[in-house]
Amino acid sequence: MERVEVTKSGAYVEIYPVEGEAKGAVVICPGGGYEFVSAREARPVAEAFGKAGYHAFVLTYQLGEEREPLENAPLGELGAAVAYVNSRRGQYGIEGKHVYVCGFSAGAHLAASLGILWNDASRFPEGTDLRLHRPDAMILCYPVISAGVYAHRGSFRRLAGPDEEAQQHYSLEKLVTAEAVPAFIWHTAEDELVPFQNSLLLAGALAKFNIPVELHVFPYGVHGLSLATKEVEELEKGRIEDPHVARWMELCVKWMEYWEAHG
């Protein structure tokens, strides 16, 4: 497993290559409320995508109280990570194949931000090649989306500070345009930390612009289930193995294969 810095700020990717020919690549953004980067949503997820035939690049984006409000800094770091992969398609044997962003919770907010705002030059460092950091599609797992009544307020405070009007600048359901990329989204209806209405709001916003979206809402399960397998259980937080929810990975891979054939 190789580690490569992608920005001067210290953001880096850990690379989990597949042996033989890859189907494509996935840049993974673990969650953590823009406060930390969750290990449960990093290596285990990368290995799962690897088993499905995709190179995985796990992004560690730089956080910390001294950097708050973070504003667009994490977005620039993810953009740099995707640009790193896109500029090396030949090296990784994925020319003509898809590069996805995948995120969990606040990491899904980050992934969706790039999938929606990739062409907004005002959000990125001057001179950024906007086409180079565009992902082909996004995979969003129990995503933080809205700064409205269903907000995970802590995430938006770290992005924009305590002013809720300023937080609206990062409320993604309001920022979708016809340039957004296709999405696979899943959530659980029992999620109390990040209500599943976040996913509904984004799916509805994408639909208004005829952006292809596949949405799955599982009836049970707390926030932060990751793969929902035995490997990533966190019993003290109620995050237990759930074979029904764990089907999200199988459904996602089938969607990726379908999108690669039709997109």
C-alpha atoms as a PDB file:
ATOM      1  CA  MET A   1       0.000   0.000   0.000  1.00  0.00           C
ATOM      2  CA  GLU A   2       1.536   3.258  -1.215  1.00  0.00           C
ATOM      3  CA  ARG A   3       0.961   6.689   0.310  1.00  0.00           C
ATOM      4  CA  VAL A   4       1.156   9.811  -1.879  1.00  0.00           C
ATOM      5  CA  GLU A   5       0.712  13.449  -0.854  1.00  0.00           C
ATOM      6  CA  VAL A   6      -1.613  15.273  -3.236  1.00  0.00           C
ATOM      7  CA  THR A   7      -1.475  18.822  -1.835  1.00  0.00           C
ATOM      8  CA  LYS A   8       1.006  21.092  -0.101  1.00  0.00           C
ATOM      9  CA  SER A   9      -1.415  21.189   2.856  1.00  0.00           C
ATOM     10  CA  GLY A  10      -0.535  17.574   3.627  1.00  0.00           C
ATOM     11  CA  ALA A  11      -3.593  15.790   2.258  1.00  0.00           C
ATOM     12  CA  TYR A  12      -2.648  12.337   1.009  1.00  0.00           C
ATOM     13  CA  VAL A  13      -4.069   9.202  -0.532  1.00  0.00           C
ATOM     14  CA  GLU A  14      -3.334   5.627   0.446  1.00  0.00           C
ATOM     15  CA  ILE A  15      -3.449   3.498  -2.678  1.00  0.00           C
ATOM     16  CA  TYR A  16      -4.941   0.007  -2.751  1.00  0.00           C
ATOM     17  CA  PRO A  17      -4.310  -1.290  -6.291  1.00  0.00           C
ATOM     18  CA  VAL A  18      -5.962  -4.409  -7.670  1.00  0.00           C
ATOM     19  CA  GLU A  19      -3.935  -7.117  -9.325  1.00  0.00           C
ATOM     20  CA  GLY A  20      -4.467  -7.470 -13.044  1.00  0.00           C
ATOM     21  CA  GLU A  21      -6.857  -5.357 -15.075  1.00  0.00           C
ATOM     22  CA  ALA A  22      -8.973  -2.905 -13.057  1.00  0.00           C
ATOM     23  CA  LYS A  23     -12.568  -1.964 -13.846  1.00  0.00           C
ATOM     24  CA  GLY A  24     -11.929   1.647 -12.768  1.00  0.00           C
ATOM     25  CA  ALA A  25     -10.994   3.592  -9.653  1.00  0.00           C
ATOM     26  CA  VAL A  26     -12.669   4.939  -6.515  1.00  0.00           C
ATOM     27  CA  VAL A  27     -11.429   7.859  -4.400  1.00  0.00           C
ATOM     28  CA  ILE A  28     -12.789   7.312  -0.884  1.00  0.00           C
ATOM     29  CA  CYS A  29     -13.561  10.064   1.646  1.00  0.00           C
ATOM     30  CA  PRO A  30     -14.118   8.614   5.137  1.00  0.00           C
ATOM     31  CA  GLY A  31     -16.464  10.501   7.429  1.00  0.00           C
ATOM     32  CA  GLY A  32     -15.964  12.055  10.837  1.00  0.00           C
ATOM     33  CA  GLY A  33     -18.007  15.242  10.914  1.00  0.00           C
ATOM     34  CA  TYR A  34     -15.142  17.250   9.375  1.00  0.00           C
ATOM     35  CA  GLU A  35     -13.448  16.664  12.747  1.00  0.00           C
ATOM     36  CA  PHE A  36     -11.569  13.396  12.138  1.00  0.00           C
ATOM     37  CA  VAL A  37     -11.202  10.743   9.431  1.00  0.00           C
ATOM     38  CA  SER A  38     -12.872   7.443  10.342  1.00  0.00           C
ATOM     39  CA  ALA A  39     -10.682   4.351  10.013  1.00  0.00           C
ATOM     40  CA  ARG A  40     -13.816   2.152   9.749  1.00  0.00           C
ATOM     41  CA  GLU A  41     -14.701   3.884   6.488  1.00  0.00           C
ATOM     42  CA  ALA A  42     -11.186   3.754   5.043  1.00  0.00           C
ATOM     43  CA  ARG A  43      -9.183   0.534   4.584  1.00  0.00           C
ATOM     44  CA  PRO A  44     -12.144  -1.912   4.904  1.00  0.00           C
ATOM     45  CA  VAL A  45     -14.039  -0.006   2.219  1.00  0.00           C
ATOM     46  CA  ALA A  46     -10.969   0.194  -0.025  1.00  0.00           C
ATOM     47  CA  GLU A  47     -10.484  -3.551   0.250  1.00  0.00           C
ATOM     48  CA  ALA A  48     -14.149  -4.189  -0.558  1.00  0.00           C
ATOM     49  CA  PHE A  49     -13.908  -2.119  -3.737  1.00  0.00           C
ATOM     50  CA  GLY A  50     -10.650  -3.905  -4.514  1.00  0.00           C
ATOM     51  CA  LYS A  51     -12.375  -7.283  -4.353  1.00  0.00           C
ATOM     52  CA  ALA A  52     -14.904  -5.909  -6.832  1.00  0.00           C
ATOM     53  CA  GLY A  53     -12.087  -4.982  -9.225  1.00  0.00           C
ATOM     54  CA  TYR A  54     -11.540  -1.267  -8.573  1.00  0.00           C
ATOM     55  CA  HIS A  55      -8.361   0.520  -7.580  1.00  0.00           C
ATOM     56  CA  ALA A  56      -9.065   2.397  -4.331  1.00  0.00           C
ATOM     57  CA  PHE A  57      -7.507   5.651  -3.173  1.00  0.00           C
ATOM     58  CA  VAL A  58      -8.337   6.598   0.429  1.00  0.00           C
ATOM     59  CA  LEU A  59      -8.067  10.336   1.019  1.00  0.00           C
ATOM     60  CA  THR A  60      -6.941  11.733   4.354  1.00  0.00           C
ATOM     61  CA  TYR A  61      -7.958  15.365   4.173  1.00  0.00           C
ATOM     62  CA  GLN A  62      -6.444  17.760   6.663  1.00  0.00           C
ATOM     63  CA  LEU A  63      -8.597  18.903   9.570  1.00  0.00           C
ATOM     64  CA  GLY A  64      -8.110  20.587  12.925  1.00  0.00           C
ATOM     65  CA  GLU A  65      -9.526  23.389  15.049  1.00  0.00           C
ATOM     66  CA  GLU A  66      -6.757  25.766  14.014  1.00  0.00           C
ATOM     67  CA  ARG A  67      -8.005  25.562  10.403  1.00  0.00           C
ATOM     68  CA  GLU A  68     -11.664  26.260  11.161  1.00  0.00           C
ATOM     69  CA  PRO A  69     -13.717  27.388   9.482  1.00  0.00           C
ATOM     70  CA  LEU A  70     -12.505  24.956   6.843  1.00  0.00           C
ATOM     71  CA  GLU A  71     -14.537  26.545   4.036  1.00  0.00           C
ATOM     72  CA  ASN A  72     -13.434  25.051   0.695  1.00  0.00           C
ATOM     73  CA  ALA A  73     -10.097  23.606   1.858  1.00  0.00           C
ATOM     74  CA  PRO A  74     -11.252  19.946   2.011  1.00  0.00           C
ATOM     75  CA  LEU A  75     -12.921  20.332  -1.390  1.00  0.00           C
ATOM     76  CA  GLY A  76      -9.660  21.518  -2.906  1.00  0.00           C
ATOM     77  CA  GLU A  77      -7.871  18.526  -1.395  1.00  0.00           C
ATOM     78  CA  LEU A  78     -10.371  16.053  -2.805  1.00  0.00           C
ATOM     79  CA  GLY A  79     -10.168  17.794  -6.169  1.00  0.00           C
ATOM     80  CA  ALA A  80      -6.398  17.352  -6.101  1.00  0.00           C
ATOM     81  CA  ALA A  81      -6.782  13.659  -5.258  1.00  0.00           C
ATOM     82  CA  VAL A  82      -9.157  13.039  -8.162  1.00  0.00           C
ATOM     83  CA  ALA A  83      -6.889  15.048 -10.473  1.00  0.00           C
ATOM     84  CA  TYR A  84      -3.996  12.834  -9.354  1.00  0.00           C
ATOM     85  CA  VAL A  85      -5.905   9.729 -10.412  1.00  0.00           C
ATOM     86  CA  ASN A  86      -7.281  11.222 -13.633  1.00  0.00           C
ATOM     87  CA  SER A  87      -3.826  12.376 -14.719  1.00  0.00           C
ATOM     88  CA  ARG A  88      -2.448   8.850 -14.236  1.00  0.00           C
ATOM     89  CA  ARG A  89      -5.132   6.800 -15.950  1.00  0.00           C
ATOM     90  CA  GLY A  90      -2.516   5.226 -18.200  1.00  0.00           C
ATOM     91  CA  GLN A  91      -0.298   4.313 -15.263  1.00  0.00           C
ATOM     92  CA  TYR A  92      -3.192   2.594 -13.487  1.00  0.00           C
ATOM     93  CA  GLY A  93      -4.617   0.961 -16.613  1.00  0.00           C
ATOM     94  CA  ILE A  94      -7.984   2.701 -16.423  1.00  0.00           C
ATOM     95  CA  GLU A  95      -8.042   4.723 -19.627  1.00  0.00           C
ATOM     96  CA  GLY A  96     -11.619   4.924 -20.874  1.00  0.00           C
ATOM     97  CA  LYS A  97     -12.934   3.726 -17.500  1.00  0.00           C
ATOM     98  CA  HIS A  98     -14.704   5.563 -14.694  1.00  0.00           C
ATOM     99  CA  VAL A  99     -13.209   7.345 -11.684  1.00  0.00           C
ATOM    100  CA  TYR A 100     -15.696   7.621  -8.820  1.00  0.00           C
ATOM    101  CA  VAL A 101     -15.747   9.581  -5.588  1.00  0.00           C
ATOM    102  CA  CYS A 102     -17.207   7.719  -2.600  1.00  0.00           C
ATOM    103  CA  GLY A 103     -17.905   9.266   0.781  1.00  0.00           C
ATOM    104  CA  PHE A 104     -19.468   8.515   4.142  1.00  0.00           C
ATOM    105  CA  SER A 105     -21.402  11.031   6.272  1.00  0.00           C
ATOM    106  CA  ALA A 106     -19.377  14.278   6.214  1.00  0.00           C
ATOM    107  CA  GLY A 107     -17.026  12.535   3.785  1.00  0.00           C
ATOM    108  CA  ALA A 108     -20.071  12.036   1.559  1.00  0.00           C
ATOM    109  CA  HIS A 109     -20.749  15.770   1.812  1.00  0.00           C
ATOM    110  CA  LEU A 110     -17.208  16.273   0.572  1.00  0.00           C
ATOM    111  CA  ALA A 111     -17.619  13.753  -2.260  1.00  0.00           C
ATOM    112  CA  ALA A 112     -20.954  15.265  -3.284  1.00  0.00           C
ATOM    113  CA  SER A 113     -19.465  18.760  -3.150  1.00  0.00           C
ATOM    114  CA  LEU A 114     -16.961  17.780  -5.831  1.00  0.00           C
ATOM    115  CA  GLY A 115     -19.588  15.927  -7.856  1.00  0.00           C
ATOM    116  CA  ILE A 116     -21.817  19.009  -7.829  1.00  0.00           C
ATOM    117  CA  LEU A 117     -19.368  21.929  -7.701  1.00  0.00           C
ATOM    118  CA  TRP A 118     -16.438  20.598  -9.755  1.00  0.00           C
ATOM    119  CA  ASN A 119     -16.884  23.389 -12.352  1.00  0.00           C
ATOM    120  CA  ASP A 120     -17.237  26.292  -9.879  1.00  0.00           C
ATOM    121  CA  ALA A 121     -13.835  27.986 -10.136  1.00  0.00           C
ATOM    122  CA  SER A 122     -14.585  30.201  -7.110  1.00  0.00           C
ATOM    123  CA  ARG A 123     -14.431  27.132  -4.844  1.00  0.00           C
ATOM    124  CA  PHE A 124     -10.918  26.042  -5.886  1.00  0.00           C
ATOM    125  CA  PRO A 125      -7.404  27.473  -5.846  1.00  0.00           C
ATOM    126  CA  GLU A 126      -6.591  29.820  -8.700  1.00  0.00           C
ATOM    127  CA  GLY A 127      -5.337  27.978 -11.770  1.00  0.00           C
ATOM    128  CA  THR A 128      -7.087  24.682 -10.967  1.00  0.00           C
ATOM    129  CA  ASP A 129      -7.811  22.545 -14.039  1.00  0.00           C
ATOM    130  CA  LEU A 130     -11.524  22.008 -13.421  1.00  0.00           C
ATOM    131  CA  ARG A 131     -11.984  19.229 -15.987  1.00  0.00           C
ATOM    132  CA  LEU A 132      -9.078  17.252 -14.553  1.00  0.00           C
ATOM    133  CA  HIS A 133     -10.663  16.906 -11.107  1.00  0.00           C
ATOM    134  CA  ARG A 134     -14.164  16.054 -12.338  1.00  0.00           C
ATOM    135  CA  PRO A 135     -15.295  12.608 -11.130  1.00  0.00           C
ATOM    136  CA  ASP A 136     -17.417  10.475 -13.449  1.00  0.00           C
ATOM    137  CA  ALA A 137     -19.975   9.677 -10.730  1.00  0.00           C
ATOM    138  CA  MET A 138     -20.434   9.762  -6.952  1.00  0.00           C
ATOM    139  CA  ILE A 139     -21.253   7.154  -4.303  1.00  0.00           C
ATOM    140  CA  LEU A 140     -22.781   8.717  -1.184  1.00  0.00           C
ATOM    141  CA  CYS A 141     -23.257   6.727   2.011  1.00  0.00           C
ATOM    142  CA  TYR A 142     -25.567   8.287   4.651  1.00  0.00           C
ATOM    143  CA  PRO A 143     -24.510  11.727   3.397  1.00  0.00           C
ATOM    144  CA  VAL A 144     -24.547  15.070   5.167  1.00  0.00           C
ATOM    145  CA  ILE A 145     -26.240  17.308   2.581  1.00  0.00           C
ATOM    146  CA  SER A 146     -28.494  20.025   3.943  1.00  0.00           C
ATOM    147  CA  ALA A 147     -27.743  22.961   6.219  1.00  0.00           C
ATOM    148  CA  GLY A 148     -31.484  23.352   6.824  1.00  0.00           C
ATOM    149  CA  VAL A 149     -33.741  21.703   9.396  1.00  0.00           C
ATOM    150  CA  TYR A 150     -32.161  18.256   8.829  1.00  0.00           C
ATOM    151  CA  ALA A 151     -28.590  19.474   9.209  1.00  0.00           C
ATOM    152  CA  HIS A 152     -25.791  17.719  10.995  1.00  0.00           C
ATOM    153  CA  ARG A 153     -24.970  21.095  12.453  1.00  0.00           C
ATOM    154  CA  GLY A 154     -21.480  20.200  13.658  1.00  0.00           C
ATOM    155  CA  SER A 155     -20.283  19.516  10.123  1.00  0.00           C
ATOM    156  CA  PHE A 156     -21.531  22.860   8.876  1.00  0.00           C
ATOM    157  CA  ARG A 157     -20.053  24.728  11.843  1.00  0.00           C
ATOM    158  CA  ARG A 158     -16.639  23.306  10.990  1.00  0.00           C
ATOM    159  CA  LEU A 159     -17.069  24.300   7.364  1.00  0.00           C
ATOM    160  CA  ALA A 160     -18.516  27.780   7.787  1.00  0.00           C
ATOM    161  CA  GLY A 161     -18.499  28.769  11.457  1.00  0.00           C
ATOM    162  CA  PRO A 162     -21.532  29.342  13.721  1.00  0.00           C
ATOM    163  CA  ASP A 163     -23.465  31.651  11.377  1.00  0.00           C
ATOM    164  CA  GLU A 164     -26.250  29.513   9.906  1.00  0.00           C
ATOM    165  CA  GLU A 165     -26.641  31.906   6.978  1.00  0.00           C
ATOM    166  CA  ALA A 166     -22.989  31.323   6.061  1.00  0.00           C
ATOM    167  CA  GLN A 167     -23.562  27.571   6.379  1.00  0.00           C
ATOM    168  CA  GLN A 168     -26.097  27.721   3.536  1.00  0.00           C
ATOM    169  CA  HIS A 169     -23.160  28.246   1.183  1.00  0.00           C
ATOM    170  CA  TYR A 170     -22.476  24.513   1.670  1.00  0.00           C
ATOM    171  CA  SER A 171     -26.088  23.221   1.608  1.00  0.00           C
ATOM    172  CA  LEU A 172     -25.749  20.996  -1.439  1.00  0.00           C
ATOM    173  CA  GLU A 173     -29.401  20.431  -2.340  1.00  0.00           C
ATOM    174  CA  LYS A 174     -29.480  24.163  -3.196  1.00  0.00           C
ATOM    175  CA  LEU A 175     -26.354  24.036  -5.352  1.00  0.00           C
ATOM    176  CA  VAL A 176     -27.173  21.304  -7.890  1.00  0.00           C
ATOM    177  CA  THR A 177     -26.965  22.265 -11.558  1.00  0.00           C
ATOM    178  CA  ALA A 178     -27.176  20.353 -14.832  1.00  0.00           C
ATOM    179  CA  GLU A 179     -23.386  19.803 -14.561  1.00  0.00           C
ATOM    180  CA  ALA A 180     -23.652  17.527 -11.500  1.00  0.00           C
ATOM    181  CA  VAL A 181     -22.489  13.938 -11.970  1.00  0.00           C
ATOM    182  CA  PRO A 182     -24.660  10.794 -11.528  1.00  0.00           C
ATOM    183  CA  ALA A 183     -25.113   9.437  -8.010  1.00  0.00           C
ATOM    184  CA  PHE A 184     -25.634   6.234  -6.063  1.00  0.00           C
ATOM    185  CA  ILE A 185     -26.985   7.095  -2.585  1.00  0.00           C
ATOM    186  CA  TRP A 186     -27.905   4.977   0.415  1.00  0.00           C
ATOM    187  CA  HIS A 187     -29.124   5.767   3.923  1.00  0.00           C
ATOM    188  CA  THR A 188     -31.038   4.181   6.797  1.00  0.00           C
ATOM    189  CA  ALA A 189     -34.424   5.476   7.906  1.00  0.00           C
ATOM    190  CA  GLU A 190     -33.429   5.091  11.577  1.00  0.00           C
ATOM    191  CA  ASP A 191     -30.433   7.413  11.256  1.00  0.00           C
ATOM    192  CA  GLU A 192     -30.876  10.059  13.956  1.00  0.00           C
ATOM    193  CA  LEU A 193     -27.504  11.769  13.618  1.00  0.00           C
ATOM    194  CA  VAL A 194     -27.880  12.562   9.897  1.00  0.00           C
ATOM    195  CA  PRO A 195     -31.572  12.115   9.001  1.00  0.00           C
ATOM    196  CA  PHE A 196     -32.281  10.274   5.763  1.00  0.00           C
ATOM    197  CA  GLN A 197     -34.125  13.339   4.490  1.00  0.00           C
ATOM    198  CA  ASN A 198     -30.651  14.596   3.542  1.00  0.00           C
ATOM    199  CA  SER A 199     -30.501  11.893   0.877  1.00  0.00           C
ATOM    200  CA  LEU A 200     -34.077  12.535  -0.235  1.00  0.00           C
ATOM    201  CA  LEU A 201     -33.384  16.237  -0.672  1.00  0.00           C
ATOM    202  CA  LEU A 202     -30.329  15.597  -2.818  1.00  0.00           C
ATOM    203  CA  ALA A 203     -32.036  12.920  -4.915  1.00  0.00           C
ATOM    204  CA  GLY A 204     -34.906  15.316  -5.565  1.00  0.00           C
ATOM    205  CA  ALA A 205     -32.546  18.128  -6.523  1.00  0.00           C
ATOM    206  CA  LEU A 206     -30.651  15.874  -8.931  1.00  0.00           C
ATOM    207  CA  ALA A 207     -33.898  14.655 -10.468  1.00  0.00           C
ATOM    208  CA  LYS A 208     -34.930  18.229 -11.266  1.00  0.00           C
ATOM    209  CA  PHE A 209     -31.956  18.402 -13.625  1.00  0.00           C
ATOM    210  CA  ASN A 210     -32.413  14.858 -14.970  1.00  0.00           C
ATOM    211  CA  ILE A 211     -29.157  13.727 -13.353  1.00  0.00           C
ATOM    212  CA  PRO A 212     -29.245   9.900 -13.059  1.00  0.00           C
ATOM    213  CA  VAL A 213     -29.618   8.827  -9.431  1.00  0.00           C
ATOM    214  CA  GLU A 214     -30.143   5.517  -7.641  1.00  0.00           C
ATOM    215  CA  LEU A 215     -31.343   5.799  -4.034  1.00  0.00           C
ATOM    216  CA  HIS A 216     -31.706   3.076  -1.400  1.00  0.00           C
ATOM    217  CA  VAL A 217     -33.196   3.720   2.045  1.00  0.00           C
ATOM    218  CA  PHE A 218     -32.885   0.733   4.379  1.00  0.00           C
ATOM    219  CA  PRO A 219     -35.503   0.637   7.164  1.00  0.00           C
ATOM    220  CA  TYR A 220     -33.215  -0.055  10.135  1.00  0.00           C
ATOM    221  CA  GLY A 221     -29.725   0.835  11.277  1.00  0.00           C
ATOM    222  CA  VAL A 222     -27.944   3.626  13.133  1.00  0.00           C
ATOM    223  CA  HIS A 223     -25.643   6.182  11.582  1.00  0.00           C
ATOM    224  CA  GLY A 224     -22.128   5.188  10.580  1.00  0.00           C
ATOM    225  CA  LEU A 225     -22.549   1.530   9.623  1.00  0.00           C
ATOM    226  CA  SER A 226     -19.779   1.624   7.010  1.00  0.00           C
ATOM    227  CA  LEU A 227     -19.912  -1.787   5.277  1.00  0.00           C
ATOM    228  CA  ALA A 228     -22.354  -3.104   7.937  1.00  0.00           C
ATOM    229  CA  THR A 229     -20.181  -6.221   8.249  1.00  0.00           C
ATOM    230  CA  LYS A 230     -18.636  -7.983  11.259  1.00  0.00           C
ATOM    231  CA  GLU A 231     -15.269  -6.401  10.455  1.00  0.00           C
ATOM    232  CA  VAL A 232     -16.482  -2.853  11.096  1.00  0.00           C
ATOM    233  CA  GLU A 233     -18.761  -3.432  14.082  1.00  0.00           C
ATOM    234  CA  GLU A 234     -18.677  -0.800  16.824  1.00  0.00           C
ATOM    235  CA  LEU A 235     -20.869  -2.355  19.476  1.00  0.00           C
ATOM    236  CA  GLU A 236     -20.746   0.517  21.968  1.00  0.00           C
ATOM    237  CA  LYS A 237     -22.390   2.761  19.347  1.00  0.00           C
ATOM    238  CA  GLY A 238     -24.930   0.198  18.157  1.00  0.00           C
ATOM    239  CA  ARG A 239     -23.095  -0.341  14.871  1.00  0.00           C
ATOM    240  CA  ILE A 240     -23.584  -4.051  14.409  1.00  0.00           C
ATOM    241  CA  GLU A 241     -23.374  -6.416  11.479  1.00  0.00           C
ATOM    242  CA  ASP A 242     -26.508  -6.188   9.327  1.00  0.00           C
ATOM    243  CA  PRO A 243     -26.567  -8.454   6.243  1.00  0.00           C
ATOM    244  CA  HIS A 244     -29.517  -6.566   4.769  1.00  0.00           C
ATOM    245  CA  VAL A 245     -27.793  -3.170   4.937  1.00  0.00           C
ATOM    246  CA  ALA A 246     -24.495  -4.766   3.875  1.00  0.00           C
ATOM    247  CA  ARG A 247     -26.112  -5.410   0.506  1.00  0.00           C
ATOM    248  CA  TRP A 248     -25.413  -1.775  -0.336  1.00  0.00           C
ATOM    249  CA  MET A 249     -21.953  -2.707  -1.611  1.00  0.00           C
ATOM    250  CA  GLU A 250     -23.312  -5.378  -3.947  1.00  0.00           C
ATOM    251  CA  LEU A 251     -25.993  -2.977  -5.173  1.00  0.00           C
ATOM    252  CA  CYS A 252     -23.397  -0.252  -5.639  1.00  0.00           C
ATOM    253  CA  VAL A 253     -21.065  -2.443  -7.681  1.00  0.00           C
ATOM    254  CA  LYS A 254     -23.957  -3.529  -9.899  1.00  0.00           C
ATOM    255  CA  TRP A 255     -24.843   0.138 -10.380  1.00  0.00           C
ATOM    256  CA  MET A 256     -21.219   0.931 -11.261  1.00  0.00           C
ATOM    257  CA  GLU A 257     -21.178  -1.837 -13.846  1.00  0.00           C
ATOM    258  CA  TYR A 258     -24.512  -0.659 -15.247  1.00  0.00           C
ATOM    259  CA  TRP A 259     -23.362   2.949 -15.380  1.00  0.00           C
ATOM    260  CA  GLU A 260     -20.109   1.960 -17.069  1.00  0.00           C
ATOM    261  CA  ALA A 261     -22.123   0.171 -19.754  1.00  0.00           C
ATOM    262  CA  HIS A 262     -24.707   2.905 -20.273  1.00  0.00           C
ATOM    263  CA  GLY A 263     -23.180   6.160 -19.034  1.00  0.00           C
END
